[in-house]
Amino acid sequence: MPGLILHHKTLTRMVGRIDLVVAATLLVAGGPSAFAHDQTKNTPDESSGGVERTLPGFSERFAEVNGARLRYFIGGKGSPVVLLHGYAETGHMWRPIMPLLAEHHTVIVPDLRGAGASSKPPSGYDKKTMAADIHGITSSLGFDRVTVVGHDIGLMVAYAYAAQYPQGTERLALMDAFLPGVGDWKSVWLMRDLWHFHFHGEVPLALVKGRERIYFEHFWDDFAAERNHSVPESDRRFYAREYARPDGMRAGFEYFKAFEQDAADFEQLAKTKLTMPVLVLTGEKASGSGLIDQTRLVAEDVKGVIIEGSGHWLMEEAPAKVIPQLAAFIDGTR
């Protein structure tokens, strides 16, 4: 995956050349953060810096599926579209595009198992199981074919959805990360700069408790093309507070802990190529051509677009380029 490898090997920022021990030391040195969980509130108030108000035309719902309780927003009318968020974020990340898509589509935006207001069960964080969670929602709503869009961890869930339910997947969009078990995936998984893939367990949990914001700065800053043009401050406060919910960090670490199982699962799933249209959007300064090349190993009809000048946070760094690409692709179902 040359695009992703090149970008991270040229990082000169704080985390660019440090190992797990030094990273943990920096977390401890940062001292307690101001994001302790408030057990009295389901969603943050305005003082938290991120306001999770329901968008006009959308409603908040909960679904009991596959052993988990998932919160999701739904709105609009027309062919269904499911938007799946990545790590260090929640379904909140899709708010800039939700009203636009809702003009012609039914838009479904879950918090994944383990994130946001969804439950955080002790297991089930392999991406096949998480995809079954989402299929439980779409089935309960009566949709037999949906378009699925995923960013980061969400793209792994989106791929697992399309691979397990190909007849139920109209279109698939994958946004900037990688597919465990596909091609030269270990070049990414074992990359020293991506130490967080292996940073899980009781000691890491103890180190980040009360310091969630410090830990997440690694993602928001180091994976952006420019750290000052990344996830906005209000959203950073919101996400730090969301992951500070009880079991939030433990559940988030499970996404990475499951990568070896995901790799074994995806290796098997990839033996049958996807036939639906697939759009791959990547950041020039992030995964580059890597995810596009991987996707062509598992799908027949792939359009790859590298967003010039962007890092990993495509929706935040380049909305003027990314939103039209997504909307045009999704509108192909009309």
Protein backbone atom coordinates (compact mmCIF):
# COMPACT_ATOMS: atom_id res chain seq x y z
CA MET A 1 0.00 0.00 0.00
CA PRO A 2 2.51 2.61 -1.17
CA GLY A 3 0.33 5.70 -0.73
CA LEU A 4 -0.38 5.08 2.92
CA ILE A 5 3.13 3.89 3.68
CA LEU A 6 4.74 6.91 2.05
CA HIS A 7 2.62 9.37 3.98
CA HIS A 8 3.21 7.87 7.41
CA LYS A 9 6.91 7.26 6.82
CA THR A 10 7.37 10.95 6.14
CA LEU A 11 5.55 12.12 9.25
CA THR A 12 7.74 14.37 11.39
CA ARG A 13 5.11 15.10 14.00
CA MET A 14 5.09 14.08 17.63
CA VAL A 15 4.12 10.45 17.14
CA GLY A 16 5.98 9.93 13.87
CA ARG A 17 8.94 8.01 15.33
CA ILE A 18 7.97 6.98 18.83
CA ASP A 19 7.14 3.50 20.04
CA LEU A 20 4.36 2.29 22.31
CA VAL A 21 6.25 2.94 25.52
CA VAL A 22 6.99 6.54 24.66
CA ALA A 23 3.42 7.07 23.44
CA ALA A 24 2.07 5.79 26.74
CA THR A 25 4.47 8.03 28.64
CA LEU A 26 3.23 11.06 26.74
CA LEU A 27 -0.36 10.19 27.60
CA VAL A 28 0.49 10.02 31.29
CA ALA A 29 2.52 13.21 31.17
CA GLY A 30 -0.43 15.05 29.69
CA GLY A 31 -2.27 14.83 32.97
CA PRO A 32 -6.01 14.42 33.46
CA SER A 33 -8.28 15.84 30.80
CA ALA A 34 -11.49 17.75 31.29
CA PHE A 35 -13.64 15.07 29.71
CA ALA A 36 -14.82 12.93 32.60
CA HIS A 37 -18.04 11.11 31.81
CA ASP A 38 -21.26 12.66 33.08
CA GLN A 39 -23.49 9.68 33.77
CA THR A 40 -26.55 11.89 34.13
CA LYS A 41 -26.71 12.80 30.44
CA ASN A 42 -27.30 10.70 27.36
CA THR A 43 -26.04 13.39 25.02
CA PRO A 44 -23.82 16.41 25.62
CA ASP A 45 -25.19 19.85 26.34
CA GLU A 46 -23.87 23.00 24.74
CA SER A 47 -21.13 23.41 27.33
CA SER A 48 -19.50 20.19 26.07
CA GLY A 49 -18.68 21.90 22.79
CA GLY A 50 -20.53 19.40 20.61
CA VAL A 51 -24.30 19.63 20.38
CA GLU A 52 -26.04 16.43 19.27
CA ARG A 53 -29.36 17.92 18.32
CA THR A 54 -31.55 15.96 15.94
CA LEU A 55 -31.34 17.49 12.48
CA PRO A 56 -34.63 18.75 11.01
CA GLY A 57 -36.36 15.89 9.25
CA PHE A 58 -34.44 13.24 11.22
CA SER A 59 -35.48 11.24 14.25
CA GLU A 60 -33.44 9.36 16.82
CA ARG A 61 -34.19 5.66 17.29
CA PHE A 62 -32.76 2.60 19.02
CA ALA A 63 -32.70 -0.96 17.73
CA GLU A 64 -32.05 -4.18 19.63
CA VAL A 65 -30.07 -6.22 17.12
CA ASN A 66 -27.62 -9.10 17.26
CA GLY A 67 -27.04 -8.80 21.01
CA ALA A 68 -26.46 -5.03 20.95
CA ARG A 69 -28.56 -1.88 21.33
CA LEU A 70 -27.72 0.52 18.52
CA ARG A 71 -28.70 4.18 18.36
CA TYR A 72 -29.33 5.56 14.89
CA PHE A 73 -30.78 8.60 13.16
CA ILE A 74 -33.12 8.25 10.22
CA GLY A 75 -34.63 10.79 7.86
CA GLY A 76 -35.57 11.53 4.27
CA LYS A 77 -37.44 9.44 1.75
CA GLY A 78 -36.34 7.29 -1.15
CA SER A 79 -33.73 4.59 -1.74
CA PRO A 80 -31.93 3.79 1.55
CA VAL A 81 -28.38 4.86 2.35
CA VAL A 82 -26.46 3.73 5.44
CA LEU A 83 -23.55 5.91 6.66
CA LEU A 84 -20.99 4.22 8.94
CA HIS A 85 -18.49 6.26 10.95
CA GLY A 86 -14.91 5.48 11.91
CA TYR A 87 -12.85 5.46 15.08
CA ALA A 88 -12.42 8.64 17.15
CA GLU A 89 -15.81 9.74 15.78
CA THR A 90 -19.48 8.69 15.89
CA GLY A 91 -22.40 9.00 13.49
CA HIS A 92 -22.14 12.73 14.24
CA MET A 93 -19.44 12.99 11.53
CA TRP A 94 -22.05 12.64 8.76
CA ARG A 95 -24.16 15.64 9.72
CA PRO A 96 -22.81 17.88 6.89
CA ILE A 97 -24.11 15.49 4.21
CA MET A 98 -27.23 14.07 5.86
CA PRO A 99 -29.70 16.84 4.83
CA LEU A 100 -28.46 16.80 1.24
CA LEU A 101 -28.84 13.04 0.87
CA ALA A 102 -32.24 13.13 2.60
CA GLU A 103 -33.66 15.15 -0.29
CA HIS A 104 -33.80 11.96 -2.37
CA HIS A 105 -32.92 9.08 -0.03
CA THR A 106 -33.81 7.51 3.28
CA VAL A 107 -30.66 8.15 5.31
CA ILE A 108 -29.74 5.85 8.20
CA VAL A 109 -26.85 6.88 10.45
CA PRO A 110 -25.96 4.49 13.31
CA ASP A 111 -23.46 4.73 16.10
CA LEU A 112 -21.55 1.48 15.68
CA ARG A 113 -21.51 -1.15 18.40
CA GLY A 114 -19.25 0.27 21.11
CA ALA A 115 -19.49 3.93 20.05
CA GLY A 116 -21.57 6.95 21.03
CA ALA A 117 -24.97 6.14 22.47
CA SER A 118 -24.93 2.53 21.26
CA SER A 119 -24.30 -0.25 23.74
CA LYS A 120 -20.82 -1.56 24.50
CA PRO A 121 -21.11 -5.34 24.90
CA PRO A 122 -18.07 -7.37 25.92
CA SER A 123 -17.63 -8.97 22.48
CA GLY A 124 -18.71 -8.81 18.85
CA TYR A 125 -16.22 -6.26 17.50
CA ASP A 126 -15.10 -8.29 14.52
CA LYS A 127 -16.38 -6.52 11.45
CA LYS A 128 -18.54 -9.41 10.23
CA THR A 129 -20.53 -9.24 13.47
CA MET A 130 -20.71 -5.45 13.32
CA ALA A 131 -22.01 -5.71 9.75
CA ALA A 132 -24.67 -8.12 10.99
CA ASP A 133 -25.66 -5.42 13.51
CA ILE A 134 -26.27 -2.99 10.66
CA HIS A 135 -28.11 -5.60 8.63
CA GLY A 136 -30.37 -6.08 11.63
CA ILE A 137 -31.31 -2.40 11.46
CA THR A 138 -31.92 -2.33 7.71
CA SER A 139 -33.96 -5.53 7.87
CA SER A 140 -36.07 -4.21 10.74
CA LEU A 141 -36.85 -1.16 8.62
CA GLY A 142 -37.98 -3.34 5.74
CA PHE A 143 -35.14 -2.50 3.33
CA ASP A 144 -33.91 -5.42 1.24
CA ARG A 145 -31.33 -3.38 -0.75
CA VAL A 146 -29.26 -0.48 0.56
CA THR A 147 -26.27 1.62 -0.37
CA VAL A 148 -23.58 1.44 2.31
CA VAL A 149 -20.91 4.10 2.93
CA GLY A 150 -18.10 3.67 5.45
CA HIS A 151 -15.14 5.69 6.66
CA ASP A 152 -12.15 4.23 8.55
CA ILE A 153 -13.41 1.37 10.80
CA GLY A 154 -16.79 1.99 9.18
CA LEU A 155 -15.41 1.05 5.76
CA MET A 156 -14.36 -2.34 7.15
CA VAL A 157 -17.91 -2.86 8.43
CA ALA A 158 -19.28 -1.63 5.10
CA TYR A 159 -17.14 -4.11 3.16
CA ALA A 160 -18.19 -6.93 5.50
CA TYR A 161 -21.82 -5.94 4.91
CA ALA A 162 -21.50 -6.00 1.12
CA ALA A 163 -19.53 -9.26 1.14
CA GLN A 164 -21.99 -11.05 3.42
CA TYR A 165 -25.15 -9.58 1.88
CA PRO A 166 -24.25 -8.93 -1.77
CA GLN A 167 -27.83 -9.24 -2.96
CA GLY A 168 -28.85 -6.67 -0.37
CA THR A 169 -26.18 -4.12 -1.29
CA GLU A 170 -26.99 -1.69 -4.09
CA ARG A 171 -23.75 0.29 -3.98
CA LEU A 172 -20.71 0.51 -1.71
CA ALA A 173 -18.47 3.48 -0.87
CA LEU A 174 -15.23 3.07 1.09
CA MET A 175 -13.36 6.03 2.53
CA ASP A 176 -9.70 6.06 3.60
CA ALA A 177 -8.29 3.24 5.68
CA PHE A 178 -7.44 -0.34 4.69
CA LEU A 179 -8.91 -3.83 4.47
CA PRO A 180 -7.36 -6.36 6.88
CA GLY A 181 -6.49 -9.63 5.22
CA VAL A 182 -6.42 -8.23 1.69
CA GLY A 183 -3.20 -8.01 -0.31
CA ASP A 184 -0.19 -6.61 1.51
CA TRP A 185 -2.28 -5.53 4.51
CA LYS A 186 0.39 -6.30 7.10
CA SER A 187 2.57 -3.49 5.74
CA VAL A 188 -0.02 -1.18 7.25
CA TRP A 189 -0.98 -3.22 10.31
CA LEU A 190 2.66 -3.48 11.47
CA MET A 191 3.68 0.06 10.59
CA ARG A 192 5.42 1.62 13.56
CA ASP A 193 3.67 4.96 13.13
CA LEU A 194 0.32 3.17 13.53
CA TRP A 195 1.14 2.00 17.06
CA HIS A 196 -2.49 2.44 18.15
CA PHE A 197 -3.43 -0.78 16.31
CA HIS A 198 -1.60 -2.67 19.08
CA PHE A 199 -2.34 -0.35 21.98
CA HIS A 200 -5.11 -2.15 23.84
CA GLY A 201 -5.55 -4.03 27.10
CA GLU A 202 -5.77 -3.13 30.77
CA VAL A 203 -2.63 -0.97 30.94
CA PRO A 204 -3.55 1.19 27.91
CA LEU A 205 -7.06 1.59 29.34
CA ALA A 206 -5.63 2.80 32.63
CA LEU A 207 -3.30 5.20 30.84
CA VAL A 208 -6.00 6.89 28.76
CA LYS A 209 -8.68 7.06 31.47
CA GLY A 210 -9.43 10.74 31.98
CA ARG A 211 -7.04 11.58 29.12
CA GLU A 212 -9.23 10.59 26.17
CA ARG A 213 -8.73 13.93 24.44
CA ILE A 214 -4.94 13.62 24.63
CA TYR A 215 -5.07 10.16 23.07
CA PHE A 216 -7.42 11.21 20.27
CA GLU A 217 -5.23 14.18 19.30
CA HIS A 218 -2.88 11.61 17.78
CA PHE A 219 -5.56 10.67 15.28
CA TRP A 220 -7.04 14.09 14.59
CA ASP A 221 -3.68 15.84 14.17
CA ASP A 222 -1.24 13.27 12.84
CA PHE A 223 -3.56 11.77 10.22
CA ALA A 224 -4.59 15.13 8.77
CA ALA A 225 -2.71 16.82 5.95
CA GLU A 226 -2.60 19.92 8.18
CA ARG A 227 -3.33 19.60 11.88
CA ASN A 228 -4.98 23.02 11.92
CA HIS A 229 -7.40 21.94 9.19
CA SER A 230 -8.85 18.77 10.61
CA VAL A 231 -11.65 17.79 12.98
CA PRO A 232 -12.98 21.09 14.43
CA GLU A 233 -12.59 21.95 18.09
CA SER A 234 -16.27 21.63 18.96
CA ASP A 235 -16.39 18.14 17.48
CA ARG A 236 -13.19 17.15 19.30
CA ARG A 237 -14.77 18.00 22.62
CA PHE A 238 -17.91 16.12 21.62
CA TYR A 239 -16.09 12.93 20.56
CA ALA A 240 -13.80 12.92 23.59
CA ARG A 241 -16.84 13.11 25.81
CA GLU A 242 -18.64 10.35 23.89
CA TYR A 243 -15.74 7.92 24.19
CA ALA A 244 -15.40 8.78 27.88
CA ARG A 245 -18.76 7.09 28.50
CA PRO A 246 -18.43 3.93 30.64
CA ASP A 247 -16.68 1.23 28.60
CA GLY A 248 -16.27 3.61 25.66
CA MET A 249 -12.49 3.34 25.40
CA ARG A 250 -12.50 -0.40 26.12
CA ALA A 251 -14.99 -0.94 23.29
CA GLY A 252 -13.01 1.28 20.93
CA PHE A 253 -9.83 -0.70 21.56
CA GLU A 254 -11.76 -3.85 20.63
CA TYR A 255 -12.06 -2.59 17.03
CA PHE A 256 -8.27 -2.88 16.68
CA LYS A 257 -7.94 -6.03 18.78
CA ALA A 258 -10.24 -7.77 16.27
CA PHE A 259 -8.04 -7.02 13.23
CA GLU A 260 -6.47 -10.48 13.13
CA GLN A 261 -9.91 -12.09 13.13
CA ASP A 262 -11.04 -9.56 10.53
CA ALA A 263 -8.06 -10.49 8.36
CA ALA A 264 -8.97 -14.18 8.48
CA ASP A 265 -12.61 -13.36 7.72
CA PHE A 266 -11.85 -10.95 4.88
CA GLU A 267 -9.41 -13.36 3.28
CA GLN A 268 -12.28 -15.82 2.95
CA LEU A 269 -14.86 -13.21 1.91
CA ALA A 270 -12.50 -11.86 -0.78
CA LYS A 271 -12.60 -15.18 -2.60
CA THR A 272 -15.94 -14.04 -4.02
CA LYS A 273 -15.55 -10.68 -5.73
CA LEU A 274 -18.15 -7.98 -5.22
CA THR A 275 -20.10 -7.09 -8.36
CA MET A 276 -21.99 -3.97 -7.27
CA PRO A 277 -20.55 -0.49 -8.10
CA VAL A 278 -17.90 0.53 -5.59
CA LEU A 279 -16.51 4.03 -4.99
CA VAL A 280 -13.24 4.44 -3.10
CA LEU A 281 -12.31 7.88 -1.79
CA THR A 282 -8.88 8.37 -0.23
CA GLY A 283 -6.74 11.25 0.95
CA GLU A 284 -3.64 12.08 -1.07
CA LYS A 285 -1.73 12.52 2.22
CA ALA A 286 -3.23 9.40 3.80
CA SER A 287 -4.00 6.03 2.21
CA GLY A 288 -3.48 7.35 -1.32
CA SER A 289 -3.72 4.58 -3.88
CA GLY A 290 -3.39 1.83 -1.27
CA LEU A 291 -7.08 1.32 -0.48
CA ILE A 292 -8.00 1.66 -4.16
CA ASP A 293 -5.55 -1.12 -5.06
CA GLN A 294 -6.87 -3.33 -2.26
CA THR A 295 -10.47 -2.81 -3.27
CA ARG A 296 -9.72 -3.85 -6.84
CA LEU A 297 -8.63 -7.20 -5.42
CA VAL A 298 -12.07 -7.78 -3.87
CA ALA A 299 -14.45 -6.02 -6.29
CA GLU A 300 -14.98 -5.92 -10.05
CA ASP A 301 -16.48 -2.47 -10.59
CA VAL A 302 -14.31 0.04 -8.72
CA LYS A 303 -13.96 3.77 -9.19
CA GLY A 304 -11.06 5.21 -7.19
CA VAL A 305 -10.67 8.91 -6.44
CA ILE A 306 -7.72 10.39 -4.54
CA ILE A 307 -8.69 13.67 -2.91
CA GLU A 308 -5.82 16.03 -3.60
CA GLY A 309 -4.30 17.75 -0.58
CA SER A 310 -6.41 15.85 1.97
CA GLY A 311 -5.39 13.58 4.79
CA HIS A 312 -7.47 10.91 6.48
CA TRP A 313 -10.37 13.10 7.66
CA LEU A 314 -12.01 13.48 4.27
CA MET A 315 -15.35 14.87 5.44
CA GLU A 316 -13.67 17.51 7.59
CA GLU A 317 -10.64 18.36 5.46
CA ALA A 318 -12.21 18.44 1.99
CA PRO A 319 -16.01 18.57 2.21
CA ALA A 320 -16.31 20.62 -0.99
CA LYS A 321 -14.65 17.78 -2.92
CA VAL A 322 -15.90 14.77 -1.01
CA ILE A 323 -19.60 15.55 -0.57
CA PRO A 324 -20.28 16.03 -4.32
CA GLN A 325 -18.43 12.79 -5.09
CA LEU A 326 -20.46 10.84 -2.55
CA ALA A 327 -23.77 12.45 -3.48
CA ALA A 328 -23.28 11.78 -7.20
CA PHE A 329 -22.36 8.15 -6.57
CA ILE A 330 -25.27 7.57 -4.22
CA ASP A 331 -27.68 9.30 -6.57
CA GLY A 332 -26.84 6.59 -9.11
CA THR A 333 -29.47 4.50 -7.29
CA ARG A 334 -32.23 6.92 -8.31
